[in-house]
Amino acid sequence: MKLKIVSDGIPKNTKVITEDGKAIDNIRSITWHCEAGKLATVTLGLVLVEVDLTGEHDRSEYETVDVTPVGEEYKRTILVKKDTA
């Protein structure tokens, strides 16, 4: 995919355009990374993006631990690596 970034130097007026001429909305930030001898990259920070994600993870090495402070109404848990010692 090719993107075109057009800017007059003012963040508010910066636009990112797709190959088919459509503007990408809800851009919060654009970050450039250039390093000698390596491919330059750009990262777009987007907000209010609708996504549909699916993933798998083997949690057999981890366990859920209750870390709710005494007297707190809502339960808090964290995922920690099991002690194998």
PDB file of N, CA and C in Angstrom:
ATOM      1  N   MET A   1       0.839  -1.170   0.000  1.00  0.00           N
ATOM      2  CA  MET A   1       0.000   0.000   0.000  1.00  0.00           C
ATOM      3  C   MET A   1       0.886   1.236   0.000  1.00  0.00           C
ATOM      4  N   LYS A   2       0.543   2.193  -0.832  1.00  0.00           N
ATOM      5  CA  LYS A   2       1.246   3.469  -0.854  1.00  0.00           C
ATOM      6  C   LYS A   2       0.368   4.516  -0.194  1.00  0.00           C
ATOM      7  N   LEU A   3       0.992   5.362   0.619  1.00  0.00           N
ATOM      8  CA  LEU A   3       0.301   6.480   1.250  1.00  0.00           C
ATOM      9  C   LEU A   3       1.045   7.759   0.892  1.00  0.00           C
ATOM     10  N   LYS A   4       0.318   8.839   0.791  1.00  0.00           N
ATOM     11  CA  LYS A   4       0.899  10.139   0.515  1.00  0.00           C
ATOM     12  C   LYS A   4       0.625  11.029   1.716  1.00  0.00           C
ATOM     13  N   ILE A   5       1.681  11.616   2.292  1.00  0.00           N
ATOM     14  CA  ILE A   5       1.539  12.522   3.426  1.00  0.00           C
ATOM     15  C   ILE A   5       1.765  13.936   2.904  1.00  0.00           C
ATOM     16  N   VAL A   6       0.761  14.795   3.089  1.00  0.00           N
ATOM     17  CA  VAL A   6       0.816  16.174   2.613  1.00  0.00           C
ATOM     18  C   VAL A   6       0.734  17.084   3.830  1.00  0.00           C
ATOM     19  N   SER A   7       1.731  17.970   3.973  1.00  0.00           N
ATOM     20  CA  SER A   7       1.752  18.842   5.141  1.00  0.00           C
ATOM     21  C   SER A   7       2.286  20.216   4.769  1.00  0.00           C
ATOM     22  N   ASP A   8       1.723  21.241   5.370  1.00  0.00           N
ATOM     23  CA  ASP A   8       2.247  22.598   5.220  1.00  0.00           C
ATOM     24  C   ASP A   8       3.050  22.984   6.459  1.00  0.00           C
ATOM     25  N   GLY A   9       3.346  21.990   7.296  1.00  0.00           N
ATOM     26  CA  GLY A   9       4.108  22.238   8.516  1.00  0.00           C
ATOM     27  C   GLY A   9       3.245  22.453   9.742  1.00  0.00           C
ATOM     28  N   ILE A  10       1.944  22.520   9.544  1.00  0.00           N
ATOM     29  CA  ILE A  10       1.011  22.707  10.658  1.00  0.00           C
ATOM     30  C   ILE A  10       0.302  21.374  10.894  1.00  0.00           C
ATOM     31  N   PRO A  11       0.402  20.789  12.102  1.00  0.00           N
ATOM     32  CA  PRO A  11      -0.207  19.482  12.352  1.00  0.00           C
ATOM     33  C   PRO A  11      -1.676  19.401  11.951  1.00  0.00           C
ATOM     34  N   LYS A  12      -2.431  20.438  12.227  1.00  0.00           N
ATOM     35  CA  LYS A  12      -3.864  20.440  11.936  1.00  0.00           C
ATOM     36  C   LYS A  12      -4.152  20.276  10.438  1.00  0.00           C
ATOM     37  N   ASN A  13      -3.242  20.769   9.593  1.00  0.00           N
ATOM     38  CA  ASN A  13      -3.449  20.738   8.149  1.00  0.00           C
ATOM     39  C   ASN A  13      -2.788  19.544   7.466  1.00  0.00           C
ATOM     40  N   THR A  14      -2.155  18.663   8.215  1.00  0.00           N
ATOM     41  CA  THR A  14      -1.489  17.499   7.639  1.00  0.00           C
ATOM     42  C   THR A  14      -2.520  16.447   7.257  1.00  0.00           C
ATOM     43  N   LYS A  15      -2.395  15.914   6.058  1.00  0.00           N
ATOM     44  CA  LYS A  15      -3.325  14.910   5.536  1.00  0.00           C
ATOM     45  C   LYS A  15      -2.556  13.672   5.098  1.00  0.00           C
ATOM     46  N   VAL A  16      -3.169  12.503   5.268  1.00  0.00           N
ATOM     47  CA  VAL A  16      -2.623  11.246   4.759  1.00  0.00           C
ATOM     48  C   VAL A  16      -3.640  10.717   3.754  1.00  0.00           C
ATOM     49  N   ILE A  17      -3.170  10.486   2.530  1.00  0.00           N
ATOM     50  CA  ILE A  17      -4.035  10.100   1.417  1.00  0.00           C
ATOM     51  C   ILE A  17      -3.639   8.705   0.935  1.00  0.00           C
ATOM     52  N   THR A  18      -4.651   7.847   0.678  1.00  0.00           N
ATOM     53  CA  THR A  18      -4.392   6.500   0.159  1.00  0.00           C
ATOM     54  C   THR A  18      -4.170   6.550  -1.353  1.00  0.00           C
ATOM     55  N   GLU A  19      -3.767   5.415  -1.919  1.00  0.00           N
ATOM     56  CA  GLU A  19      -3.528   5.317  -3.361  1.00  0.00           C
ATOM     57  C   GLU A  19      -4.745   5.716  -4.181  1.00  0.00           C
ATOM     58  N   ASP A  20      -5.933   5.428  -3.672  1.00  0.00           N
ATOM     59  CA  ASP A  20      -7.146   5.743  -4.430  1.00  0.00           C
ATOM     60  C   ASP A  20      -7.703   7.137  -4.107  1.00  0.00           C
ATOM     61  N   GLY A  21      -6.911   7.974  -3.424  1.00  0.00           N
ATOM     62  CA  GLY A  21      -7.286   9.358  -3.200  1.00  0.00           C
ATOM     63  C   GLY A  21      -8.146   9.636  -1.980  1.00  0.00           C
ATOM     64  N   LYS A  22      -8.369   8.632  -1.136  1.00  0.00           N
ATOM     65  CA  LYS A  22      -9.196   8.834   0.052  1.00  0.00           C
ATOM     66  C   LYS A  22      -8.321   9.273   1.232  1.00  0.00           C
ATOM     67  N   ALA A  23      -8.822  10.243   1.994  1.00  0.00           N
ATOM     68  CA  ALA A  23      -8.098  10.713   3.178  1.00  0.00           C
ATOM     69  C   ALA A  23      -8.326   9.743   4.334  1.00  0.00           C
ATOM     70  N   ILE A  24      -7.277   9.501   5.113  1.00  0.00           N
ATOM     71  CA  ILE A  24      -7.396   8.681   6.314  1.00  0.00           C
ATOM     72  C   ILE A  24      -7.726   9.613   7.475  1.00  0.00           C
ATOM     73  N   ASP A  25      -8.844   9.343   8.140  1.00  0.00           N
ATOM     74  CA  ASP A  25      -9.303  10.192   9.239  1.00  0.00           C
ATOM     75  C   ASP A  25      -8.744   9.716  10.580  1.00  0.00           C
ATOM     76  N   ASN A  26      -8.893  10.560  11.589  1.00  0.00           N
ATOM     77  CA  ASN A  26      -8.583  10.234  12.987  1.00  0.00           C
ATOM     78  C   ASN A  26      -7.103   9.960  13.242  1.00  0.00           C
ATOM     79  N   ILE A  27      -6.219  10.650  12.519  1.00  0.00           N
ATOM     80  CA  ILE A  27      -4.784  10.499  12.765  1.00  0.00           C
ATOM     81  C   ILE A  27      -4.387  11.403  13.919  1.00  0.00           C
ATOM     82  N   ARG A  28      -3.780  10.796  14.931  1.00  0.00           N
ATOM     83  CA  ARG A  28      -3.353  11.543  16.116  1.00  0.00           C
ATOM     84  C   ARG A  28      -1.892  11.956  16.017  1.00  0.00           C
ATOM     85  N   SER A  29      -1.069  11.093  15.365  1.00  0.00           N
ATOM     86  CA  SER A  29       0.355  11.409  15.270  1.00  0.00           C
ATOM     87  C   SER A  29       0.971  10.722  14.055  1.00  0.00           C
ATOM     88  N   ILE A  30       2.061  11.308  13.585  1.00  0.00           N
ATOM     89  CA  ILE A  30       2.876  10.712  12.528  1.00  0.00           C
ATOM     90  C   ILE A  30       4.310  10.780  13.023  1.00  0.00           C
ATOM     91  N   THR A  31       4.976   9.637  13.092  1.00  0.00           N
ATOM     92  CA  THR A  31       6.347   9.577  13.585  1.00  0.00           C
ATOM     93  C   THR A  31       7.254   8.969  12.521  1.00  0.00           C
ATOM     94  N   TRP A  32       8.321   9.677  12.208  1.00  0.00           N
ATOM     95  CA  TRP A  32       9.303   9.192  11.239  1.00  0.00           C
ATOM     96  C   TRP A  32      10.487   8.591  11.974  1.00  0.00           C
ATOM     97  N   HIS A  33      11.042   7.511  11.423  1.00  0.00           N
ATOM     98  CA  HIS A  33      12.278   6.941  11.974  1.00  0.00           C
ATOM     99  C   HIS A  33      13.215   6.675  10.806  1.00  0.00           C
ATOM    100  N   CYS A  34      14.322   7.372  10.799  1.00  0.00           N
ATOM    101  CA  CYS A  34      15.328   7.201   9.745  1.00  0.00           C
ATOM    102  C   CYS A  34      16.660   6.868  10.404  1.00  0.00           C
ATOM    103  N   GLU A  35      17.321   5.840   9.890  1.00  0.00           N
ATOM    104  CA  GLU A  35      18.611   5.423  10.425  1.00  0.00           C
ATOM    105  C   GLU A  35      19.515   5.075   9.251  1.00  0.00           C
ATOM    106  N   ALA A  36      20.758   5.503   9.312  1.00  0.00           N
ATOM    107  CA  ALA A  36      21.697   5.277   8.217  1.00  0.00           C
ATOM    108  C   ALA A  36      21.784   3.785   7.878  1.00  0.00           C
ATOM    109  N   GLY A  37      21.661   3.470   6.607  1.00  0.00           N
ATOM    110  CA  GLY A  37      21.791   2.093   6.150  1.00  0.00           C
ATOM    111  C   GLY A  37      20.565   1.231   6.355  1.00  0.00           C
ATOM    112  N   LYS A  38      19.489   1.808   6.879  1.00  0.00           N
ATOM    113  CA  LYS A  38      18.274   1.032   7.122  1.00  0.00           C
ATOM    114  C   LYS A  38      17.092   1.691   6.425  1.00  0.00           C
ATOM    115  N   LEU A  39      16.025   0.936   6.289  1.00  0.00           N
ATOM    116  CA  LEU A  39      14.810   1.433   5.671  1.00  0.00           C
ATOM    117  C   LEU A  39      14.130   2.452   6.573  1.00  0.00           C
ATOM    118  N   ALA A  40      13.778   3.605   6.009  1.00  0.00           N
ATOM    119  CA  ALA A  40      13.038   4.619   6.780  1.00  0.00           C
ATOM    120  C   ALA A  40      11.615   4.116   6.996  1.00  0.00           C
ATOM    121  N   THR A  41      11.063   4.366   8.188  1.00  0.00           N
ATOM    122  CA  THR A  41       9.701   3.936   8.493  1.00  0.00           C
ATOM    123  C   THR A  41       8.898   5.111   9.016  1.00  0.00           C
ATOM    124  N   VAL A  42       7.597   5.013   8.854  1.00  0.00           N
ATOM    125  CA  VAL A  42       6.680   6.009   9.408  1.00  0.00           C
ATOM    126  C   VAL A  42       5.610   5.244  10.181  1.00  0.00           C
ATOM    127  N   THR A  43       5.261   5.761  11.342  1.00  0.00           N
ATOM    128  CA  THR A  43       4.216   5.167  12.168  1.00  0.00           C
ATOM    129  C   THR A  43       3.079   6.166  12.288  1.00  0.00           C
ATOM    130  N   LEU A  44       1.868   5.716  11.962  1.00  0.00           N
ATOM    131  CA  LEU A  44       0.685   6.557  12.101  1.00  0.00           C
ATOM    132  C   LEU A  44      -0.041   6.176  13.384  1.00  0.00           C
ATOM    133  N   GLY A  45      -0.297   7.146  14.244  1.00  0.00           N
ATOM    134  CA  GLY A  45      -1.086   6.913  15.454  1.00  0.00           C
ATOM    135  C   GLY A  45      -2.528   7.282  15.160  1.00  0.00           C
ATOM    136  N   LEU A  46      -3.430   6.326  15.262  1.00  0.00           N
ATOM    137  CA  LEU A  46      -4.836   6.546  14.937  1.00  0.00           C
ATOM    138  C   LEU A  46      -5.696   6.448  16.186  1.00  0.00           C
ATOM    139  N   VAL A  47      -6.752   7.243  16.249  1.00  0.00           N
ATOM    140  CA  VAL A  47      -7.712   7.181  17.344  1.00  0.00           C
ATOM    141  C   VAL A  47      -9.090   6.897  16.771  1.00  0.00           C
ATOM    142  N   LEU A  48      -9.971   6.378  17.609  1.00  0.00           N
ATOM    143  CA  LEU A  48     -11.342   6.067  17.216  1.00  0.00           C
ATOM    144  C   LEU A  48     -11.390   5.140  16.011  1.00  0.00           C
ATOM    145  N   VAL A  49     -10.572   4.078  16.062  1.00  0.00           N
ATOM    146  CA  VAL A  49     -10.506   3.114  14.969  1.00  0.00           C
ATOM    147  C   VAL A  49     -11.302   1.875  15.351  1.00  0.00           C
ATOM    148  N   GLU A  50     -12.209   1.465  14.497  1.00  0.00           N
ATOM    149  CA  GLU A  50     -12.986   0.246  14.725  1.00  0.00           C
ATOM    150  C   GLU A  50     -12.165  -0.938  14.254  1.00  0.00           C
ATOM    151  N   VAL A  51     -11.990  -1.952  15.116  1.00  0.00           N
ATOM    152  CA  VAL A  51     -11.193  -3.124  14.755  1.00  0.00           C
ATOM    153  C   VAL A  51     -11.935  -4.407  15.095  1.00  0.00           C
ATOM    154  N   ASP A  52     -11.542  -5.470  14.432  1.00  0.00           N
ATOM    155  CA  ASP A  52     -12.051  -6.811  14.707  1.00  0.00           C
ATOM    156  C   ASP A  52     -10.823  -7.702  14.822  1.00  0.00           C
ATOM    157  N   LEU A  53     -10.456  -8.096  16.046  1.00  0.00           N
ATOM    158  CA  LEU A  53      -9.222  -8.834  16.292  1.00  0.00           C
ATOM    159  C   LEU A  53      -9.505 -10.241  16.781  1.00  0.00           C
ATOM    160  N   THR A  54      -8.691 -11.170  16.317  1.00  0.00           N
ATOM    161  CA  THR A  54      -8.759 -12.542  16.787  1.00  0.00           C
ATOM    162  C   THR A  54      -7.330 -12.988  17.076  1.00  0.00           C
ATOM    163  N   GLY A  55      -7.132 -13.674  18.171  1.00  0.00           N
ATOM    164  CA  GLY A  55      -5.786 -14.132  18.499  1.00  0.00           C
ATOM    165  C   GLY A  55      -5.821 -15.365  19.366  1.00  0.00           C
ATOM    166  N   GLU A  56      -4.685 -16.039  19.423  1.00  0.00           N
ATOM    167  CA  GLU A  56      -4.539 -17.216  20.272  1.00  0.00           C
ATOM    168  C   GLU A  56      -3.301 -17.041  21.133  1.00  0.00           C
ATOM    169  N   HIS A  57      -3.373 -17.557  22.344  1.00  0.00           N
ATOM    170  CA  HIS A  57      -2.221 -17.474  23.242  1.00  0.00           C
ATOM    171  C   HIS A  57      -2.260 -18.659  24.186  1.00  0.00           C
ATOM    172  N   ASP A  58      -1.132 -19.290  24.368  1.00  0.00           N
ATOM    173  CA  ASP A  58      -1.029 -20.414  25.298  1.00  0.00           C
ATOM    174  C   ASP A  58      -0.758 -19.842  26.689  1.00  0.00           C
ATOM    175  N   ARG A  59      -1.757 -19.895  27.554  1.00  0.00           N
ATOM    176  CA  ARG A  59      -1.629 -19.334  28.902  1.00  0.00           C
ATOM    177  C   ARG A  59      -1.236 -20.394  29.928  1.00  0.00           C
ATOM    178  N   SER A  60      -0.804 -21.569  29.484  1.00  0.00           N
ATOM    179  CA  SER A  60      -0.486 -22.638  30.430  1.00  0.00           C
ATOM    180  C   SER A  60       0.682 -22.285  31.355  1.00  0.00           C
ATOM    181  N   GLU A  61       1.541 -21.354  30.943  1.00  0.00           N
ATOM    182  CA  GLU A  61       2.669 -20.947  31.778  1.00  0.00           C
ATOM    183  C   GLU A  61       2.277 -19.863  32.783  1.00  0.00           C
ATOM    184  N   TYR A  62       1.046 -19.373  32.709  1.00  0.00           N
ATOM    185  CA  TYR A  62       0.631 -18.247  33.530  1.00  0.00           C
ATOM    186  C   TYR A  62      -0.550 -18.599  34.420  1.00  0.00           C
ATOM    187  N   GLU A  63      -0.708 -17.804  35.470  1.00  0.00           N
ATOM    188  CA  GLU A  63      -1.848 -17.973  36.361  1.00  0.00           C
ATOM    189  C   GLU A  63      -2.395 -16.606  36.725  1.00  0.00           C
ATOM    190  N   THR A  64      -3.680 -16.563  37.048  1.00  0.00           N
ATOM    191  CA  THR A  64      -4.327 -15.317  37.447  1.00  0.00           C
ATOM    192  C   THR A  64      -4.216 -15.180  38.959  1.00  0.00           C
ATOM    193  N   VAL A  65      -3.765 -14.004  39.402  1.00  0.00           N
ATOM    194  CA  VAL A  65      -3.567 -13.744  40.823  1.00  0.00           C
ATOM    195  C   VAL A  65      -4.452 -12.572  41.235  1.00  0.00           C
ATOM    196  N   ASP A  66      -5.174 -12.747  42.346  1.00  0.00           N
ATOM    197  CA  ASP A  66      -6.035 -11.687  42.880  1.00  0.00           C
ATOM    198  C   ASP A  66      -5.164 -10.661  43.603  1.00  0.00           C
ATOM    199  N   VAL A  67      -5.250  -9.409  43.187  1.00  0.00           N
ATOM    200  CA  VAL A  67      -4.476  -8.334  43.831  1.00  0.00           C
ATOM    201  C   VAL A  67      -5.405  -7.226  44.344  1.00  0.00           C
ATOM    202  N   THR A  68      -6.641  -7.606  44.660  1.00  0.00           N
ATOM    203  CA  THR A  68      -7.618  -6.634  45.135  1.00  0.00           C
ATOM    204  C   THR A  68      -7.233  -6.145  46.530  1.00  0.00           C
ATOM    205  N   PRO A  69      -7.087  -4.817  46.716  1.00  0.00           N
ATOM    206  CA  PRO A  69      -6.790  -4.302  48.051  1.00  0.00           C
ATOM    207  C   PRO A  69      -7.939  -4.632  49.015  1.00  0.00           C
ATOM    208  N   VAL A  70      -7.604  -4.835  50.274  1.00  0.00           N
ATOM    209  CA  VAL A  70      -8.603  -5.166  51.290  1.00  0.00           C
ATOM    210  C   VAL A  70      -9.663  -4.070  51.344  1.00  0.00           C
ATOM    211  N   GLY A  71     -10.916  -4.484  51.284  1.00  0.00           N
ATOM    212  CA  GLY A  71     -12.024  -3.551  51.387  1.00  0.00           C
ATOM    213  C   GLY A  71     -12.457  -2.915  50.076  1.00  0.00           C
ATOM    214  N   GLU A  72     -11.733  -3.166  48.985  1.00  0.00           N
ATOM    215  CA  GLU A  72     -12.127  -2.574  47.703  1.00  0.00           C
ATOM    216  C   GLU A  72     -13.282  -3.354  47.094  1.00  0.00           C
ATOM    217  N   GLU A  73     -14.216  -2.640  46.487  1.00  0.00           N
ATOM    218  CA  GLU A  73     -15.428  -3.251  45.964  1.00  0.00           C
ATOM    219  C   GLU A  73     -15.176  -4.076  44.696  1.00  0.00           C
ATOM    220  N   TYR A  74     -14.333  -3.581  43.796  1.00  0.00           N
ATOM    221  CA  TYR A  74     -14.119  -4.253  42.520  1.00  0.00           C
ATOM    222  C   TYR A  74     -12.875  -5.127  42.547  1.00  0.00           C
ATOM    223  N   LYS A  75     -13.003  -6.350  42.057  1.00  0.00           N
ATOM    224  CA  LYS A  75     -11.899  -7.299  42.068  1.00  0.00           C
ATOM    225  C   LYS A  75     -10.865  -6.937  41.007  1.00  0.00           C
ATOM    226  N   ARG A  76      -9.600  -7.019  41.361  1.00  0.00           N
ATOM    227  CA  ARG A  76      -8.495  -6.780  40.432  1.00  0.00           C
ATOM    228  C   ARG A  76      -7.663  -8.048  40.346  1.00  0.00           C
ATOM    229  N   THR A  77      -7.315  -8.431  39.127  1.00  0.00           N
ATOM    230  CA  THR A  77      -6.446  -9.586  38.943  1.00  0.00           C
ATOM    231  C   THR A  77      -5.334  -9.232  37.970  1.00  0.00           C
ATOM    232  N   ILE A  78      -4.227  -9.957  38.065  1.00  0.00           N
ATOM    233  CA  ILE A  78      -3.134  -9.802  37.110  1.00  0.00           C
ATOM    234  C   ILE A  78      -2.721 -11.192  36.638  1.00  0.00           C
ATOM    235  N   LEU A  79      -2.094 -11.247  35.487  1.00  0.00           N
ATOM    236  CA  LEU A  79      -1.606 -12.493  34.931  1.00  0.00           C
ATOM    237  C   LEU A  79      -0.102 -12.552  35.183  1.00  0.00           C
ATOM    238  N   VAL A  80       0.361 -13.596  35.873  1.00  0.00           N
ATOM    239  CA  VAL A  80       1.794 -13.730  36.185  1.00  0.00           C
ATOM    240  C   VAL A  80       2.298 -15.097  35.755  1.00  0.00           C
ATOM    241  N   LYS A  81       3.587 -15.171  35.469  1.00  0.00           N
ATOM    242  CA  LYS A  81       4.196 -16.437  35.081  1.00  0.00           C
ATOM    243  C   LYS A  81       4.245 -17.353  36.292  1.00  0.00           C
ATOM    244  N   LYS A  82       3.870 -18.618  36.096  1.00  0.00           N
ATOM    245  CA  LYS A  82       3.869 -19.591  37.191  1.00  0.00           C
ATOM    246  C   LYS A  82       5.280 -19.837  37.689  1.00  0.00           C
ATOM    247  N   ASP A  83       5.401 -20.021  38.985  1.00  0.00           N
ATOM    248  CA  ASP A  83       6.688 -20.349  39.604  1.00  0.00           C
ATOM    249  C   ASP A  83       6.973 -21.807  39.330  1.00  0.00           C
ATOM    250  N   THR A  84       8.026 -22.090  38.563  1.00  0.00           N
ATOM    251  CA  THR A  84       8.335 -23.472  38.198  1.00  0.00           C
ATOM    252  C   THR A  84       9.431 -24.062  39.073  1.00  0.00           C
ATOM    253  N   ALA A  85       9.850 -23.308  40.078  1.00  0.00           N
ATOM    254  CA  ALA A  85      10.938 -23.795  40.952  1.00  0.00           C
ATOM    255  C   ALA A  85      10.414 -24.748  41.978  1.00  0.00           C
TER     256      ALA A  85
END
